[in-house]
Amino acid sequence: MADAALRWIEMLRRIPRLPRKIDTMTLHQALIEAGYKLDARSLQRDLNNASRIFPIQRDRKTKPYRWYYPKDYLFNLPALSPPMALAFSLLKQHGERLLPAGVKHQLLPWFKNAEEILNRQAGNFQNWRNLVRVVSDGMALMPPTVDEQLQNQIQEALMSRRRFKAMYKGRKDPEPKEQLVNPLGLVASHQVLYLVATLWNYEQPVQLALHRFHEVELLDEPAIIPDRFDLDEYIASGAFGLLRSQETLELKLRISKARGIHLLETPLSADQVVLEEDEENLLLQATVPDTARLEWWILSFGGQAEVLAPESLRMKIAATAEAMAARYDAGD
């Protein structure tokens, strides 16, 4: 009796949800390999009996028959605990955009089940979703619209390390251009999803915004991966701050205590040093990537920050400030 119950659990666990299906022969072989002894007729009888209790369905258009669950059904043994349900709820709220489209659809029953479990809870777990938020460190921008089918194809190419052809419209391109893309990684930055990739046979990585793809065609060709490419190292280099050069800068900055005190807790770099200049100002030194984002960050402090070094950056910030002042003067 116990063996039959375990066999049923294994049988039910191996039946997929739509659009996937499993035929009787494949299911029978899987159970045999799992150590259960039964013939095909016994399995068919078990499936017919189980279909009276569970919502498994049979595709009668093919033989051997193929079995499946409805796409929104979740055979969940054991049931999600409230902490696990909360984890799924937070994943849906904050990380759903990064999931491959195929995986996201497969997780929909789990997301639904998690919501049902949390809605039945009293107290802490039910309220947690209303007490946690993720806030951007910049302007709150709406994310661009990404074609879900194209995103799914791009993610499939990335996971299978395959090249693909694409029509891609760069920010300055009047029309989409054909590109041969070698996918290397996917990065979310400031509400935008970027594919890090190389184009054609070049080795220099570039960043391609997913919402600018217009057509994608997967190829049966392996992607060309640059030697020793590491996605984390690429990000740490400052690439997503719009890298100006491969050189680093020895930044020296005078900044008011009121605006710069947070840098004691969240430093710019591992070698950052902050000294107290006087009652109002701090002196900061740090080795940082040469990026456009660094310039935007310094300018965001207005008159409460002054670049002391390097001289090239000081002159660039000063020129920008003069241009801004001239624009405002012209408005008068």
Protein backbone atom coordinates (compact mmCIF):
# COMPACT_ATOMS: atom_id res chain seq x y z
CA MET A 1 0.00 0.00 0.00
CA ALA A 2 2.81 2.37 0.94
CA ASP A 3 4.65 1.54 -2.30
CA ALA A 4 1.52 2.28 -4.34
CA ALA A 5 1.08 5.63 -2.60
CA LEU A 6 4.70 6.60 -3.28
CA ARG A 7 4.31 5.51 -6.90
CA TRP A 8 1.23 7.72 -7.26
CA ILE A 9 3.12 10.70 -5.83
CA GLU A 10 6.01 10.13 -8.23
CA MET A 11 3.60 9.70 -11.15
CA LEU A 12 1.70 12.90 -10.33
CA ARG A 13 4.93 14.83 -9.79
CA ARG A 14 6.20 13.96 -13.27
CA ILE A 15 3.10 15.12 -15.14
CA PRO A 16 3.78 18.63 -16.54
CA ARG A 17 1.53 21.65 -16.96
CA LEU A 18 0.38 22.92 -20.32
CA PRO A 19 1.76 23.61 -22.85
CA ARG A 20 4.02 20.64 -22.03
CA LYS A 21 2.64 17.09 -22.02
CA ILE A 22 4.03 13.63 -21.30
CA ASP A 23 3.05 10.45 -23.10
CA THR A 24 2.29 7.21 -21.29
CA MET A 25 5.39 5.41 -22.59
CA THR A 26 7.77 8.16 -21.39
CA LEU A 27 6.06 8.32 -18.01
CA HIS A 28 6.19 4.51 -17.66
CA GLN A 29 9.93 4.48 -18.43
CA ALA A 30 10.57 7.29 -15.92
CA LEU A 31 8.80 5.35 -13.15
CA ILE A 32 10.74 2.18 -13.99
CA GLU A 33 14.01 4.12 -13.79
CA ALA A 34 12.88 5.54 -10.44
CA GLY A 35 12.64 1.98 -9.11
CA TYR A 36 8.91 1.27 -9.35
CA LYS A 37 7.82 -2.05 -10.84
CA LEU A 38 4.62 -1.86 -12.86
CA ASP A 39 3.48 -2.66 -16.36
CA ALA A 40 2.00 -0.22 -18.85
CA ARG A 41 -1.53 -1.45 -18.19
CA SER A 42 -1.19 -0.77 -14.43
CA LEU A 43 0.10 2.72 -15.14
CA GLN A 44 -2.84 3.43 -17.43
CA ARG A 45 -5.20 2.26 -14.70
CA ASP A 46 -3.46 4.51 -12.15
CA LEU A 47 -3.72 7.49 -14.48
CA ASN A 48 -7.41 6.91 -15.11
CA ASN A 49 -8.08 6.60 -11.37
CA ALA A 50 -6.00 9.68 -10.57
CA SER A 51 -7.89 11.74 -13.16
CA ARG A 52 -11.04 11.29 -11.05
CA ILE A 53 -9.34 12.97 -8.09
CA PHE A 54 -6.77 15.34 -9.59
CA PRO A 55 -7.27 17.68 -12.57
CA ILE A 56 -4.92 15.74 -14.85
CA GLN A 57 -6.19 15.60 -18.41
CA ARG A 58 -5.54 13.34 -21.37
CA ASP A 59 -4.92 14.37 -24.97
CA ARG A 60 -6.87 11.81 -26.95
CA LYS A 61 -5.65 13.07 -30.34
CA THR A 62 -2.38 11.15 -30.11
CA LYS A 63 -1.36 7.63 -29.21
CA PRO A 64 0.10 6.83 -26.84
CA TYR A 65 -2.00 9.31 -24.89
CA ARG A 66 -0.29 12.39 -23.50
CA TRP A 67 -1.13 13.66 -20.01
CA TYR A 68 -0.94 17.15 -18.52
CA TYR A 69 -2.21 19.49 -15.82
CA PRO A 70 -4.05 22.73 -16.68
CA LYS A 71 -1.53 25.55 -17.04
CA ASP A 72 -2.66 27.30 -13.84
CA TYR A 73 -2.67 24.18 -11.62
CA LEU A 74 0.08 23.59 -9.05
CA PHE A 75 0.74 20.11 -7.68
CA ASN A 76 2.45 21.31 -4.52
CA LEU A 77 3.98 18.75 -2.16
CA PRO A 78 4.82 19.92 0.43
CA ALA A 79 2.73 23.09 0.61
CA LEU A 80 4.53 26.42 0.62
CA SER A 81 5.30 27.67 4.11
CA PRO A 82 4.38 31.31 4.85
CA PRO A 83 8.06 32.44 4.68
CA MET A 84 8.47 30.72 1.29
CA ALA A 85 5.20 32.24 0.08
CA LEU A 86 6.51 35.65 1.13
CA ALA A 87 9.73 35.01 -0.82
CA PHE A 88 7.75 34.21 -3.99
CA SER A 89 5.61 37.31 -3.47
CA LEU A 90 8.68 39.55 -3.14
CA LEU A 91 10.28 37.90 -6.18
CA LYS A 92 7.18 38.71 -8.23
CA GLN A 93 7.13 42.28 -6.94
CA HIS A 94 10.79 43.15 -7.38
CA GLY A 95 12.47 40.61 -9.65
CA GLU A 96 9.89 39.45 -12.19
CA ARG A 97 11.36 41.57 -15.03
CA LEU A 98 14.65 39.67 -14.86
CA LEU A 99 13.10 36.23 -15.19
CA PRO A 100 13.20 34.53 -18.60
CA ALA A 101 9.71 34.69 -20.12
CA GLY A 102 9.38 30.90 -20.18
CA VAL A 103 10.40 30.62 -16.52
CA LYS A 104 8.05 33.45 -15.58
CA HIS A 105 5.07 31.65 -17.10
CA GLN A 106 6.03 28.45 -15.30
CA LEU A 107 6.16 30.33 -12.00
CA LEU A 108 2.72 31.93 -12.36
CA PRO A 109 0.98 29.10 -10.42
CA TRP A 110 3.57 29.47 -7.64
CA PHE A 111 2.98 33.23 -7.51
CA LYS A 112 -0.77 32.65 -7.35
CA ASN A 113 -0.41 29.98 -4.68
CA ALA A 114 1.88 32.24 -2.65
CA GLU A 115 -0.72 35.05 -2.74
CA GLU A 116 -3.43 32.66 -1.58
CA ILE A 117 -1.29 31.43 1.32
CA LEU A 118 -0.36 34.95 2.43
CA ASN A 119 -3.98 36.11 2.21
CA ARG A 120 -4.91 33.35 4.66
CA GLN A 121 -2.30 34.46 7.17
CA ALA A 122 -2.97 36.78 10.05
CA GLY A 123 -0.41 39.25 11.33
CA ASN A 124 3.19 39.56 10.25
CA PHE A 125 3.38 37.65 6.95
CA GLN A 126 0.18 39.13 5.57
CA ASN A 127 1.33 42.67 6.36
CA TRP A 128 4.95 42.28 5.24
CA ARG A 129 4.22 43.09 1.59
CA ASN A 130 2.74 46.42 2.68
CA LEU A 131 5.81 47.23 4.78
CA VAL A 132 8.61 46.63 2.24
CA ARG A 133 9.45 48.75 -0.79
CA VAL A 134 12.42 49.17 -3.15
CA VAL A 135 13.29 52.81 -3.88
CA SER A 136 15.49 53.91 -6.78
CA ASP A 137 18.49 56.10 -5.97
CA GLY A 138 17.66 58.37 -8.89
CA MET A 139 14.60 59.84 -10.54
CA ALA A 140 11.70 57.39 -10.55
CA LEU A 141 11.37 56.64 -14.26
CA MET A 142 8.83 54.39 -15.93
CA PRO A 143 10.45 51.30 -17.50
CA PRO A 144 10.41 51.13 -21.32
CA THR A 145 8.16 48.57 -23.00
CA VAL A 146 9.98 45.40 -24.05
CA ASP A 147 8.45 42.95 -26.53
CA GLU A 148 8.00 39.78 -24.43
CA GLN A 149 8.54 37.40 -27.34
CA LEU A 150 11.79 39.10 -28.34
CA GLN A 151 12.93 39.12 -24.72
CA ASN A 152 12.23 35.40 -24.48
CA GLN A 153 14.29 34.74 -27.63
CA ILE A 154 17.18 36.85 -26.38
CA GLN A 155 17.17 35.11 -23.00
CA GLU A 156 17.06 31.72 -24.72
CA ALA A 157 20.09 32.70 -26.83
CA LEU A 158 21.90 33.86 -23.69
CA MET A 159 21.22 30.67 -21.73
CA SER A 160 22.15 28.40 -24.64
CA ARG A 161 25.19 30.54 -25.60
CA ARG A 162 23.95 30.94 -29.17
CA ARG A 163 24.43 33.72 -31.66
CA PHE A 164 21.45 35.54 -33.08
CA LYS A 165 20.67 38.00 -35.84
CA ALA A 166 18.76 41.09 -34.86
CA MET A 167 17.40 44.35 -36.16
CA TYR A 168 18.51 46.89 -33.56
CA LYS A 169 17.82 50.63 -33.45
CA GLY A 170 20.46 52.48 -31.49
CA ARG A 171 19.65 55.72 -29.76
CA LYS A 172 21.07 57.78 -32.63
CA ASP A 173 20.08 55.47 -35.50
CA PRO A 174 17.27 56.76 -37.78
CA GLU A 175 16.38 53.16 -38.70
CA PRO A 176 17.08 49.68 -37.23
CA LYS A 177 20.30 48.03 -38.44
CA GLU A 178 21.08 44.34 -38.79
CA GLN A 179 23.49 43.04 -36.16
CA LEU A 180 25.06 39.66 -35.43
CA VAL A 181 24.96 39.35 -31.65
CA ASN A 182 27.00 37.22 -29.23
CA PRO A 183 25.13 37.45 -25.88
CA LEU A 184 27.26 37.61 -22.71
CA GLY A 185 24.94 38.68 -19.89
CA LEU A 186 21.77 40.50 -18.86
CA VAL A 187 21.86 43.55 -16.56
CA ALA A 188 19.05 45.68 -15.13
CA SER A 189 20.07 49.31 -14.62
CA HIS A 190 17.80 52.26 -13.87
CA GLN A 191 14.58 50.61 -15.08
CA VAL A 192 16.22 49.41 -18.33
CA LEU A 193 17.22 45.85 -19.23
CA TYR A 194 20.53 45.66 -21.11
CA LEU A 195 22.07 42.78 -22.97
CA VAL A 196 25.85 42.81 -22.64
CA ALA A 197 27.16 41.36 -25.90
CA THR A 198 29.75 41.54 -28.65
CA LEU A 199 28.76 42.27 -32.24
CA TRP A 200 29.86 40.28 -35.25
CA ASN A 201 33.45 39.12 -34.61
CA TYR A 202 34.55 42.05 -32.46
CA GLU A 203 35.75 41.43 -28.90
CA GLN A 204 34.77 44.71 -27.23
CA PRO A 205 31.54 44.26 -25.20
CA VAL A 206 28.67 46.66 -25.82
CA GLN A 207 25.35 47.30 -24.08
CA LEU A 208 22.14 46.78 -26.03
CA ALA A 209 18.84 47.94 -24.51
CA LEU A 210 16.22 45.22 -24.89
CA HIS A 211 13.46 47.68 -25.79
CA ARG A 212 15.43 48.76 -28.90
CA PHE A 213 15.38 45.30 -30.50
CA HIS A 214 12.89 44.99 -33.37
CA GLU A 215 13.57 41.50 -34.76
CA VAL A 216 15.47 38.49 -33.40
CA GLU A 217 16.44 35.27 -35.19
CA LEU A 218 18.27 32.57 -33.24
CA LEU A 219 21.08 30.82 -35.08
CA ASP A 220 22.54 27.34 -34.69
CA GLU A 221 25.96 28.86 -34.07
CA PRO A 222 27.81 29.10 -30.75
CA ALA A 223 28.29 32.60 -29.43
CA ILE A 224 31.84 33.95 -29.51
CA ILE A 225 32.82 34.64 -25.89
CA PRO A 226 35.88 36.88 -25.33
CA ASP A 227 38.69 35.21 -23.39
CA ARG A 228 38.43 35.72 -19.62
CA PHE A 229 35.25 37.79 -19.90
CA ASP A 230 33.59 38.14 -16.49
CA LEU A 231 30.25 39.94 -16.15
CA ASP A 232 30.93 41.09 -12.57
CA GLU A 233 34.33 42.51 -13.53
CA TYR A 234 32.77 44.25 -16.51
CA ILE A 235 30.17 45.95 -14.29
CA ALA A 236 32.77 46.81 -11.62
CA SER A 237 34.88 48.53 -14.29
CA GLY A 238 32.23 51.25 -14.47
CA ALA A 239 30.83 50.18 -17.82
CA PHE A 240 27.26 50.96 -16.78
CA GLY A 241 28.26 54.43 -15.69
CA LEU A 242 29.02 55.18 -19.38
CA LEU A 243 32.76 54.61 -19.32
CA ARG A 244 34.76 57.57 -20.64
CA SER A 245 38.05 55.66 -20.74
CA GLN A 246 39.72 52.55 -19.40
CA GLU A 247 41.72 54.66 -16.94
CA THR A 248 40.75 55.25 -13.32
CA LEU A 249 40.70 58.66 -11.69
CA GLU A 250 42.29 59.70 -8.40
CA LEU A 251 39.34 61.81 -7.28
CA LYS A 252 39.79 64.52 -4.65
CA LEU A 253 36.57 66.20 -3.63
CA ARG A 254 35.59 68.90 -1.15
CA ILE A 255 32.00 68.33 -0.08
CA SER A 256 29.79 69.79 2.62
CA LYS A 257 29.22 67.58 5.66
CA ALA A 258 25.46 67.83 5.23
CA ARG A 259 25.61 66.33 1.75
CA GLY A 260 28.62 64.04 2.10
CA ILE A 261 28.19 62.41 5.50
CA HIS A 262 26.52 59.36 3.89
CA LEU A 263 29.78 58.59 2.09
CA LEU A 264 31.25 57.44 5.41
CA GLU A 265 28.75 54.57 5.36
CA THR A 266 28.56 53.99 1.60
CA PRO A 267 32.04 54.70 0.20
CA LEU A 268 32.84 55.32 -3.46
CA SER A 269 35.68 52.78 -3.45
CA ALA A 270 37.58 50.37 -1.22
CA ASP A 271 40.48 52.83 -0.87
CA GLN A 272 38.31 55.85 -0.01
CA VAL A 273 39.68 58.22 2.64
CA VAL A 274 37.56 60.99 4.19
CA LEU A 275 39.06 63.72 6.34
CA GLU A 276 37.36 66.55 8.21
CA GLU A 277 38.57 69.84 6.70
CA ASP A 278 36.62 72.15 8.99
CA GLU A 279 33.25 72.34 10.72
CA GLU A 280 31.39 72.52 7.42
CA ASN A 281 33.37 70.47 4.88
CA LEU A 282 34.88 67.05 4.26
CA LEU A 283 37.82 66.17 2.02
CA LEU A 284 37.37 62.93 0.12
CA GLN A 285 39.92 60.89 -1.84
CA ALA A 286 39.02 57.75 -3.82
CA THR A 287 40.07 55.82 -6.91
CA VAL A 288 37.02 55.70 -9.22
CA PRO A 289 36.20 54.74 -12.85
CA ASP A 290 36.19 57.54 -15.40
CA THR A 291 32.47 57.60 -16.18
CA ALA A 292 29.75 60.02 -17.20
CA ARG A 293 27.79 58.92 -14.13
CA LEU A 294 30.57 60.22 -11.91
CA GLU A 295 30.15 63.66 -13.50
CA TRP A 296 26.35 63.53 -13.08
CA TRP A 297 26.77 62.51 -9.46
CA ILE A 298 29.13 65.40 -8.68
CA LEU A 299 26.87 67.90 -10.46
CA SER A 300 23.90 66.67 -8.40
CA PHE A 301 25.49 68.32 -5.33
CA GLY A 302 25.39 71.74 -6.98
CA GLY A 303 27.51 74.28 -5.10
CA GLN A 304 28.04 71.96 -2.14
CA ALA A 305 30.81 69.95 -3.83
CA GLU A 306 34.05 71.00 -5.53
CA VAL A 307 36.41 68.80 -7.52
CA LEU A 308 40.01 69.46 -6.47
CA ALA A 309 41.59 66.76 -8.67
CA PRO A 310 42.13 65.58 -11.31
CA GLU A 311 42.39 68.91 -13.10
CA SER A 312 40.73 67.54 -16.27
CA LEU A 313 37.59 66.60 -14.32
CA ARG A 314 37.62 69.90 -12.41
CA MET A 315 37.68 71.83 -15.70
CA LYS A 316 34.91 69.69 -17.17
CA ILE A 317 32.63 70.24 -14.16
CA ALA A 318 33.42 73.97 -14.19
CA ALA A 319 32.59 74.23 -17.90
CA THR A 320 29.27 72.45 -17.34
CA ALA A 321 28.44 74.76 -14.45
CA GLU A 322 29.26 77.82 -16.59
CA ALA A 323 27.08 76.54 -19.42
CA MET A 324 24.20 75.99 -16.98
CA ALA A 325 24.61 79.49 -15.56
CA ALA A 326 24.65 80.96 -19.08
CA ARG A 327 21.47 79.09 -19.99
CA TYR A 328 19.67 80.42 -16.91
CA ASP A 329 20.95 83.93 -17.57
CA ALA A 330 19.66 83.72 -21.13
CA GLY A 331 16.23 82.85 -19.75
CA ASP A 332 16.07 86.20 -17.99
